[in-house]
């Protein structure tokens, strides 16, 4: 019996071990299958990341139409439009109020600067002074600080009642300015950068005016060159009023004409008509791509066309200036200069003398807005090209042939 019992016990133990082994095996097998389930549940997040990428495409498609409809600006057309208003005749004279009282017995000094443009004005001032019945004293001021200061000393010593000042910046005669203010001498000034409000009886042709004219010049060059101008712009450092003009010219060419180039050069007054023509030739020889020459004012062009012809460089070179005179008119008529943005000097002299008379009478001086027709700070201007030279080139261009009679009517001095 014990042997049988022992065998049975051994059999039960063996069976228990077998069952235990199977249980362990089953547990190990179950752990191999369970990791697969998480793998299958992680796949959908990977698939759900694709749709956001697909939803970003429509915005890219909606941006395309505006890019297709953008039109490139046409610098030539824009420049032509910008100068169209000044290629015609000036508007009506905007000075209409009669003079309150004649400046009888007054003496007026004209401080004539050292460039031809100032000499152009003297005859007109004399004619206007004669019509008003005042005495005109012409004092040559030159172009240096010493000669300018001496000229103002002379005017003060002569006991003048008013002074006409062209292109002579007050920073060169500060001592004299204080004495002029103390004596209540009326000052009508133009073509200077320092024009403080209330400092003078009237201030014309400001830095802003010349910047506007320079912009007109630049637009003309762009339009006439077909947007392919390589320009050199000359200015005289003695006249700081043209600094803004140079900046405006450069900015217009740079910003509006991607196919153009621009450089500026300084030319002192003493080089005008002497060294400057040769300097222009040398510049173009160094930079043969240059096809336009621009001058800050008309007399800077003196001798340049002849020098270019002598050097065999005149062909295909365009040229433009502003406020030119008879020499420029002759060049334009002969086809040696392309254009000049011309100022009506004769009218300007009578307008300035009108301002003197009104200042002496204690009357308000009319100020014309810059954008009034073809006016720029009370001076009529126009682009003159060869077809416009239908007048005597030895005389100054006039916008209003009957301007003298017009002013005489305002002054009440008859015919």
Protein backbone atom coordinates (compact mmCIF):
# COMPACT_ATOMS: atom_id res chain seq x y z
CA UNK A 1 0.00 0.00 0.00
CA UNK A 2 2.78 2.44 0.73
CA UNK A 3 4.40 1.79 -2.59
CA UNK A 4 1.14 2.47 -4.38
CA UNK A 5 0.56 5.59 -2.35
CA UNK A 6 4.03 6.81 -3.08
CA UNK A 7 3.58 6.28 -6.77
CA UNK A 8 0.31 8.14 -6.69
CA UNK A 9 1.89 11.02 -4.82
CA UNK A 10 4.72 11.18 -7.28
CA UNK A 11 2.22 11.15 -10.12
CA UNK A 12 0.28 14.04 -8.58
CA UNK A 13 3.42 16.03 -8.06
CA UNK A 14 4.49 15.45 -11.63
CA UNK A 15 1.05 16.45 -12.88
CA UNK A 16 1.20 19.64 -10.80
CA UNK A 17 4.60 20.49 -12.21
CA UNK A 18 3.30 19.90 -15.72
CA UNK A 19 0.28 22.13 -15.13
CA UNK A 20 2.50 24.77 -13.65
CA UNK A 21 4.76 24.63 -16.70
CA UNK A 22 1.80 24.98 -19.03
CA UNK A 23 0.56 27.96 -17.05
CA UNK A 24 3.93 29.62 -17.27
CA UNK A 25 4.14 28.89 -20.96
CA UNK A 26 0.68 30.33 -21.46
CA UNK A 27 1.69 33.47 -19.58
CA UNK A 28 4.79 33.96 -21.75
CA UNK A 29 2.80 33.42 -24.92
CA UNK A 30 0.18 35.98 -23.87
CA UNK A 31 2.86 38.65 -23.28
CA UNK A 32 4.17 38.21 -26.86
CA UNK A 33 0.76 38.99 -28.39
CA UNK A 34 -0.18 42.04 -26.22
CA UNK A 35 2.58 44.45 -27.50
CA UNK A 36 1.16 44.17 -31.03
CA UNK A 37 -2.07 45.86 -29.96
CA UNK A 38 -0.39 49.17 -28.96
CA UNK A 39 1.52 49.16 -32.28
CA UNK A 40 -1.75 49.04 -34.19
CA UNK A 41 -3.26 51.84 -32.06
CA UNK A 42 -0.25 54.19 -32.68
CA UNK A 43 -0.55 54.03 -36.48
CA UNK A 44 -3.71 56.23 -36.81
CA UNK A 45 -1.99 59.31 -35.25
CA UNK A 46 0.71 58.99 -37.92
CA UNK A 47 -1.99 58.96 -40.60
CA UNK A 48 -3.89 61.93 -39.09
CA UNK A 49 -0.83 64.24 -39.49
CA UNK A 50 -1.10 64.20 -43.28
CA UNK A 51 -4.41 66.15 -43.66
CA UNK A 52 -3.03 69.35 -42.02
CA UNK A 53 -0.30 69.38 -44.65
CA UNK A 54 -2.92 69.06 -47.37
CA UNK A 55 -5.05 71.90 -45.92
CA UNK A 56 -2.13 74.40 -46.26
CA UNK A 57 -2.09 74.16 -50.05
CA UNK A 58 -5.25 76.26 -50.80
CA UNK A 59 -3.80 79.51 -49.33
CA UNK A 60 -0.83 79.14 -51.68
CA UNK A 61 -3.19 78.82 -54.62
CA UNK A 62 -5.23 81.89 -53.58
CA UNK A 63 -2.08 84.12 -53.51
CA UNK A 64 -1.18 83.41 -57.12
CA UNK A 65 -3.83 85.59 -58.87
CA UNK A 66 -2.65 88.92 -57.31
CA UNK A 67 0.91 88.19 -58.43
CA UNK A 68 -0.29 87.62 -61.96
CA UNK A 69 -2.28 90.88 -62.07
CA UNK A 70 0.54 93.19 -60.78
CA UNK A 71 1.75 95.51 -63.54
CA UNK A 72 5.31 96.77 -63.64
CA UNK A 73 5.52 100.60 -63.48
CA UNK A 74 6.55 102.33 -66.69
CA UNK A 75 9.13 104.97 -65.63
CA UNK A 76 9.10 106.65 -69.05
CA UNK A 77 5.32 107.09 -69.10
CA UNK A 78 5.28 108.30 -65.49
CA UNK A 79 8.05 110.82 -66.18
CA UNK A 80 6.31 112.11 -69.31
CA UNK A 81 3.12 112.60 -67.34
CA UNK A 82 5.01 114.44 -64.60
CA UNK A 83 6.31 117.10 -67.00
CA UNK A 84 3.26 117.44 -69.24
CA UNK A 85 1.87 120.38 -67.23
CA UNK A 86 4.98 122.51 -67.81
CA UNK A 87 5.34 122.05 -71.54
CA UNK A 88 2.64 124.60 -72.29
CA UNK A 89 1.97 128.27 -71.59
CA UNK A 90 1.80 129.73 -68.08
CA UNK A 91 -1.47 130.39 -66.31
CA UNK A 92 -2.95 133.81 -65.58
CA UNK A 93 -0.93 136.27 -63.50
CA UNK A 94 -2.02 135.62 -59.90
CA UNK A 95 -1.07 139.10 -58.58
CA UNK A 96 -4.25 141.17 -58.74
CA UNK A 97 -4.40 143.64 -55.82
CA UNK A 98 -3.50 147.26 -56.72
CA UNK A 99 -0.56 148.96 -54.99
CA UNK A 100 -1.72 151.06 -52.02
CA UNK A 101 0.84 153.88 -52.42
CA UNK A 102 3.80 154.70 -54.65
CA UNK A 103 7.25 154.65 -52.94
CA UNK A 104 8.07 158.21 -53.97
CA UNK A 105 11.66 159.29 -53.34
CA UNK A 106 12.78 155.80 -52.27
CA UNK A 107 16.21 154.37 -53.09
CA UNK A 108 16.53 150.66 -53.83
CA UNK A 109 19.83 148.74 -54.02
CA UNK A 110 20.27 145.68 -56.23
CA UNK A 111 23.09 143.44 -55.00
CA UNK A 112 24.29 141.87 -58.26
CA UNK A 113 25.97 138.50 -57.66
CA UNK A 114 28.88 137.13 -59.67
CA UNK A 115 27.16 134.86 -62.22
CA UNK A 116 25.49 135.90 -65.52
CA UNK A 117 22.01 135.11 -64.20
CA UNK A 118 22.27 138.07 -61.82
CA UNK A 119 23.37 140.36 -64.64
CA UNK A 120 20.30 139.30 -66.65
CA UNK A 121 18.08 140.88 -64.00
CA UNK A 122 19.59 144.37 -63.84
CA UNK A 123 17.85 145.87 -66.93
CA UNK A 124 14.45 144.69 -65.73
CA UNK A 125 14.94 146.20 -62.29
CA UNK A 126 15.92 149.50 -63.85
CA UNK A 127 12.82 149.58 -66.04
CA UNK A 128 10.56 148.75 -63.09
CA UNK A 129 12.26 151.38 -60.91
CA UNK A 130 11.73 154.01 -63.59
CA UNK A 131 8.02 153.11 -63.79
CA UNK A 132 7.64 153.41 -60.00
CA UNK A 133 9.65 156.60 -59.77
CA UNK A 134 12.32 155.21 -57.44
CA UNK A 135 16.11 155.39 -57.65
CA UNK A 136 17.92 152.09 -58.35
CA UNK A 137 21.53 151.55 -57.27
CA UNK A 138 23.27 148.49 -58.73
CA UNK A 139 26.08 147.20 -56.49
CA UNK A 140 28.25 144.36 -57.76
CA UNK A 141 28.63 141.92 -54.89
CA UNK A 142 30.80 139.24 -56.50
CA UNK A 143 30.87 135.67 -55.17
CA UNK A 144 33.17 135.69 -52.13
CA UNK A 145 32.27 136.35 -48.51
CA UNK A 146 34.56 139.42 -48.46
CA UNK A 147 33.14 141.09 -51.58
CA UNK A 148 29.56 140.29 -50.54
CA UNK A 149 30.00 141.81 -47.06
CA UNK A 150 31.63 144.91 -48.56
CA UNK A 151 28.72 145.31 -51.00
CA UNK A 152 26.18 145.30 -48.17
CA UNK A 153 28.27 147.80 -46.23
CA UNK A 154 28.10 150.05 -49.27
CA UNK A 155 24.32 149.72 -49.55
CA UNK A 156 23.87 150.62 -45.87
CA UNK A 157 26.18 153.63 -46.19
CA UNK A 158 24.13 154.90 -49.14
CA UNK A 159 21.07 155.02 -46.92
CA UNK A 160 18.88 152.84 -49.13
CA UNK A 161 15.28 152.11 -48.22
CA UNK A 162 15.17 148.59 -49.65
CA UNK A 163 17.57 145.94 -50.94
CA UNK A 164 17.08 143.33 -53.66
CA UNK A 165 19.20 140.26 -52.85
CA UNK A 166 19.78 137.42 -55.37
CA UNK A 167 21.57 134.20 -54.38
CA UNK A 168 23.60 135.82 -51.56
CA UNK A 169 23.03 133.73 -48.44
CA UNK A 170 22.68 135.80 -45.24
CA UNK A 171 25.23 133.55 -43.53
CA UNK A 172 27.87 135.45 -45.56
CA UNK A 173 26.71 138.88 -44.28
CA UNK A 174 25.36 138.36 -40.71
CA UNK A 175 26.75 141.62 -39.30
CA UNK A 176 25.22 143.66 -42.10
CA UNK A 177 21.91 141.82 -41.73
CA UNK A 178 21.61 142.93 -38.10
CA UNK A 179 22.26 146.54 -39.10
CA UNK A 180 19.73 146.28 -41.94
CA UNK A 181 17.10 144.99 -39.53
CA UNK A 182 17.89 147.75 -37.02
CA UNK A 183 17.42 150.40 -39.72
CA UNK A 184 14.20 148.74 -40.96
CA UNK A 185 15.55 148.43 -44.50
CA UNK A 186 13.19 146.24 -46.49
CA UNK A 187 14.76 143.12 -48.00
CA UNK A 188 13.41 141.10 -50.93
CA UNK A 189 15.54 137.99 -51.34
CA UNK A 190 15.59 134.89 -53.55
CA UNK A 191 17.67 131.83 -54.44
CA UNK A 192 19.05 131.31 -50.93
CA UNK A 193 18.51 128.37 -48.55
CA UNK A 194 18.28 130.50 -45.38
CA UNK A 195 14.83 132.05 -45.61
CA UNK A 196 13.44 132.32 -42.11
CA UNK A 197 9.86 133.47 -41.83
CA UNK A 198 9.64 137.14 -40.91
CA UNK A 199 13.33 137.78 -41.60
CA UNK A 200 12.71 139.41 -44.99
CA UNK A 201 9.87 141.37 -46.56
CA UNK A 202 9.57 138.66 -49.22
CA UNK A 203 11.46 135.46 -50.07
CA UNK A 204 11.23 133.91 -53.51
CA UNK A 205 12.74 130.95 -55.36
CA UNK A 206 13.36 128.89 -52.26
CA UNK A 207 15.32 125.67 -51.90
CA UNK A 208 12.01 123.83 -52.20
CA UNK A 209 11.31 125.62 -55.49
CA UNK A 210 14.65 124.60 -56.95
CA UNK A 211 14.15 121.04 -55.74
CA UNK A 212 10.85 121.02 -57.60
CA UNK A 213 12.53 122.34 -60.76
CA UNK A 214 15.27 119.71 -60.42
CA UNK A 215 12.60 117.03 -60.20
CA UNK A 216 11.10 118.38 -63.44
CA UNK A 217 14.55 118.25 -65.06
CA UNK A 218 15.08 114.65 -63.93
CA UNK A 219 11.68 113.54 -65.20
CA UNK A 220 12.42 115.21 -68.53
CA UNK A 221 15.69 113.26 -68.81
CA UNK A 222 13.94 109.98 -67.96
CA UNK A 223 11.19 110.59 -70.51
CA UNK A 224 13.43 111.72 -73.36
CA UNK A 225 16.03 109.00 -72.81
CA UNK A 226 13.47 106.23 -72.84
CA UNK A 227 14.46 105.30 -69.31
CA UNK A 228 18.10 104.67 -70.25
CA UNK A 229 19.91 107.81 -69.11
CA UNK A 230 23.40 107.81 -67.64
CA UNK A 231 23.50 111.30 -66.17
CA UNK A 232 26.10 113.56 -64.62
CA UNK A 233 24.72 116.55 -62.66
CA UNK A 234 26.92 119.60 -61.97
CA UNK A 235 26.36 122.17 -59.21
CA UNK A 236 28.34 125.09 -57.75
CA UNK A 237 29.12 124.69 -54.04
CA UNK A 238 28.97 128.47 -53.48
CA UNK A 239 25.21 128.35 -53.99
CA UNK A 240 23.98 126.07 -51.22
CA UNK A 241 20.39 126.50 -52.36
CA UNK A 242 21.18 123.98 -55.08
CA UNK A 243 22.08 121.24 -52.59
CA UNK A 244 18.40 120.36 -52.23
CA UNK A 245 18.05 120.56 -56.01
CA UNK A 246 20.87 118.06 -56.48
CA UNK A 247 19.33 115.73 -53.91
CA UNK A 248 15.95 115.94 -55.64
CA UNK A 249 17.47 115.26 -59.05
CA UNK A 250 19.39 112.24 -57.78
CA UNK A 251 16.39 110.88 -55.87
CA UNK A 252 14.10 111.16 -58.89
CA UNK A 253 16.52 109.37 -61.21
CA UNK A 254 17.34 106.70 -58.63
CA UNK A 255 13.79 105.96 -57.49
CA UNK A 256 11.92 106.29 -60.77
CA UNK A 257 14.33 104.94 -63.36
CA UNK A 258 15.88 101.51 -62.70
CA UNK A 259 17.56 101.63 -66.10
CA UNK A 260 19.32 104.94 -65.37
CA UNK A 261 22.47 105.96 -63.50
CA UNK A 262 23.33 109.28 -61.86
CA UNK A 263 26.42 110.98 -60.43
CA UNK A 264 26.96 114.53 -59.16
CA UNK A 265 30.01 116.75 -59.58
CA UNK A 266 30.95 120.07 -57.98
CA UNK A 267 32.03 122.99 -60.18
CA UNK A 268 32.99 126.23 -58.41
CA UNK A 269 31.72 129.48 -59.90
CA UNK A 270 35.24 130.44 -61.00
CA UNK A 271 35.34 127.41 -63.35
CA UNK A 272 32.20 128.36 -65.29
CA UNK A 273 33.11 129.03 -68.92
CA UNK A 274 36.79 128.33 -68.16
CA UNK A 275 37.77 124.99 -66.62
CA UNK A 276 34.30 123.44 -66.39
CA UNK A 277 33.91 122.60 -70.12
CA UNK A 278 37.17 120.64 -70.04
CA UNK A 279 36.12 118.89 -66.83
CA UNK A 280 32.92 117.72 -68.51
CA UNK A 281 34.92 116.35 -71.45
CA UNK A 282 37.31 114.53 -69.10
CA UNK A 283 34.42 113.03 -67.17
CA UNK A 284 32.76 111.64 -70.31
CA UNK A 285 36.07 110.28 -71.57
CA UNK A 286 36.46 108.39 -68.29
CA UNK A 287 32.85 107.25 -68.40
CA UNK A 288 31.86 106.94 -72.07
CA UNK A 289 28.48 105.46 -71.15
CA UNK A 290 27.40 108.98 -70.08
CA UNK A 291 24.65 110.24 -72.40
CA UNK A 292 23.15 113.17 -70.43
CA UNK A 293 24.69 116.27 -68.82
CA UNK A 294 22.59 118.33 -66.38
CA UNK A 295 23.57 121.74 -64.98
CA UNK A 296 22.19 123.30 -61.79
CA UNK A 297 21.73 126.61 -63.64
CA UNK A 298 22.03 127.83 -67.20
CA UNK A 299 25.36 129.67 -67.28
CA UNK A 300 27.17 126.51 -66.17
CA UNK A 301 26.56 125.27 -69.71
CA UNK A 302 28.72 128.05 -71.23
CA UNK A 303 31.47 126.51 -73.38
CA UNK A 304 30.40 122.91 -72.74
CA UNK A 305 28.82 122.20 -76.17
CA UNK A 306 31.87 123.60 -77.95
CA UNK A 307 34.23 121.52 -75.80
CA UNK A 308 32.22 118.34 -76.48
CA UNK A 309 32.25 119.02 -80.21
CA UNK A 310 36.00 119.62 -80.23
CA UNK A 311 36.54 116.31 -78.43
CA UNK A 312 34.23 114.44 -80.80
CA UNK A 313 31.81 113.65 -77.96
CA UNK A 314 28.81 115.83 -78.79
CA UNK A 315 26.87 113.15 -80.65
CA UNK A 316 24.20 111.37 -78.60
CA UNK A 317 24.77 113.57 -75.53
CA UNK A 318 21.62 115.21 -74.19
CA UNK A 319 21.87 118.30 -71.99
CA UNK A 320 19.55 120.29 -69.74
CA UNK A 321 19.79 123.25 -67.37
CA UNK A 322 17.42 125.59 -65.55
CA UNK A 323 17.02 129.37 -65.40
CA UNK A 324 19.07 129.80 -68.55
CA UNK A 325 19.56 132.93 -70.62
CA UNK A 326 20.51 134.02 -74.16
CA UNK A 327 23.51 131.69 -74.38
CA UNK A 328 21.28 128.69 -73.58
CA UNK A 329 18.62 129.86 -76.03
CA UNK A 330 21.27 130.03 -78.75
CA UNK A 331 22.53 126.55 -77.90
CA UNK A 332 18.99 125.15 -77.98
CA UNK A 333 18.20 126.85 -81.29
CA UNK A 334 21.39 125.42 -82.82
CA UNK A 335 20.69 121.92 -81.48
CA UNK A 336 23.65 122.05 -79.09
CA UNK A 337 21.55 121.92 -75.91
CA UNK A 338 18.43 119.81 -75.50
CA UNK A 339 16.34 121.88 -73.09
CA UNK A 340 16.21 124.49 -70.35
CA UNK A 341 13.60 124.84 -67.62
CA UNK A 342 13.43 128.57 -68.16
CA UNK A 343 12.55 131.31 -65.69
CA UNK A 344 10.81 134.49 -66.86
CA UNK A 345 13.51 136.94 -65.71
CA UNK A 346 11.86 140.16 -66.98
CA UNK A 347 8.59 139.36 -65.24
CA UNK A 348 10.44 138.35 -62.07
CA UNK A 349 12.19 141.74 -61.86
CA UNK A 350 8.91 143.63 -61.98
CA UNK A 351 7.31 141.22 -59.53
CA UNK A 352 10.22 141.71 -57.08
CA UNK A 353 10.03 145.48 -57.45
CA UNK A 354 6.28 145.22 -56.84
CA UNK A 355 7.11 143.44 -53.56
CA UNK A 356 9.52 146.26 -52.60
CA UNK A 357 6.85 148.87 -53.26
CA UNK A 358 4.26 146.98 -51.22
CA UNK A 359 6.72 146.49 -48.33
CA UNK A 360 7.49 150.23 -48.27
CA UNK A 361 3.75 150.97 -48.32
CA UNK A 362 3.14 148.58 -45.42
CA UNK A 363 0.99 146.43 -47.69
CA UNK A 364 0.72 142.64 -47.66
CA UNK A 365 2.80 140.94 -50.35
CA UNK A 366 0.92 138.25 -52.28
CA UNK A 367 2.54 134.81 -52.22
CA UNK A 368 1.73 132.40 -55.02
CA UNK A 369 1.47 128.68 -54.29
CA UNK A 370 4.12 126.49 -55.89
CA UNK A 371 1.66 124.36 -57.85
CA UNK A 372 -0.27 127.24 -59.40
CA UNK A 373 -0.08 126.40 -63.12
CA UNK A 374 3.50 126.81 -64.28
CA UNK A 375 4.48 129.06 -61.41
CA UNK A 376 7.10 128.33 -58.83
CA UNK A 377 7.14 130.76 -55.90
CA UNK A 378 5.97 133.72 -58.00
CA UNK A 379 8.12 133.02 -61.05
CA UNK A 380 6.69 131.67 -64.31
CA UNK A 381 8.71 128.75 -65.71
CA UNK A 382 8.50 126.59 -68.82
CA UNK A 383 10.53 123.84 -70.50
CA UNK A 384 12.06 125.36 -73.62
CA UNK A 385 13.18 123.07 -76.46
CA UNK A 386 14.14 123.87 -80.04
CA UNK A 387 10.55 124.30 -81.34
CA UNK A 388 9.91 126.88 -78.57
CA UNK A 389 12.70 129.22 -79.66
CA UNK A 390 10.55 131.50 -81.78
CA UNK A 391 11.74 134.71 -80.10
CA UNK A 392 14.92 136.77 -80.35
CA UNK A 393 17.56 134.60 -78.67
CA UNK A 394 19.51 137.71 -77.68
CA UNK A 395 16.62 138.74 -75.44
CA UNK A 396 15.21 137.10 -72.34
CA UNK A 397 12.24 134.73 -72.66
CA UNK A 398 8.95 136.19 -71.42
CA UNK A 399 5.80 134.30 -70.54
CA UNK A 400 3.62 137.43 -70.57
CA UNK A 401 4.43 139.91 -73.40
CA UNK A 402 2.28 142.64 -71.81
CA UNK A 403 3.46 142.19 -68.21
CA UNK A 404 4.85 145.73 -67.93
CA UNK A 405 1.50 147.29 -68.74
CA UNK A 406 -0.14 144.89 -66.32
CA UNK A 407 2.05 146.02 -63.41
CA UNK A 408 1.73 149.68 -64.35
CA UNK A 409 -2.02 149.21 -64.08
CA UNK A 410 -1.62 147.73 -60.57
CA UNK A 411 0.68 150.61 -59.62
CA UNK A 412 -1.60 153.29 -61.08
CA UNK A 413 1.15 154.88 -63.17
CA UNK A 414 -0.58 154.74 -66.54
CA UNK A 415 0.96 153.67 -69.86
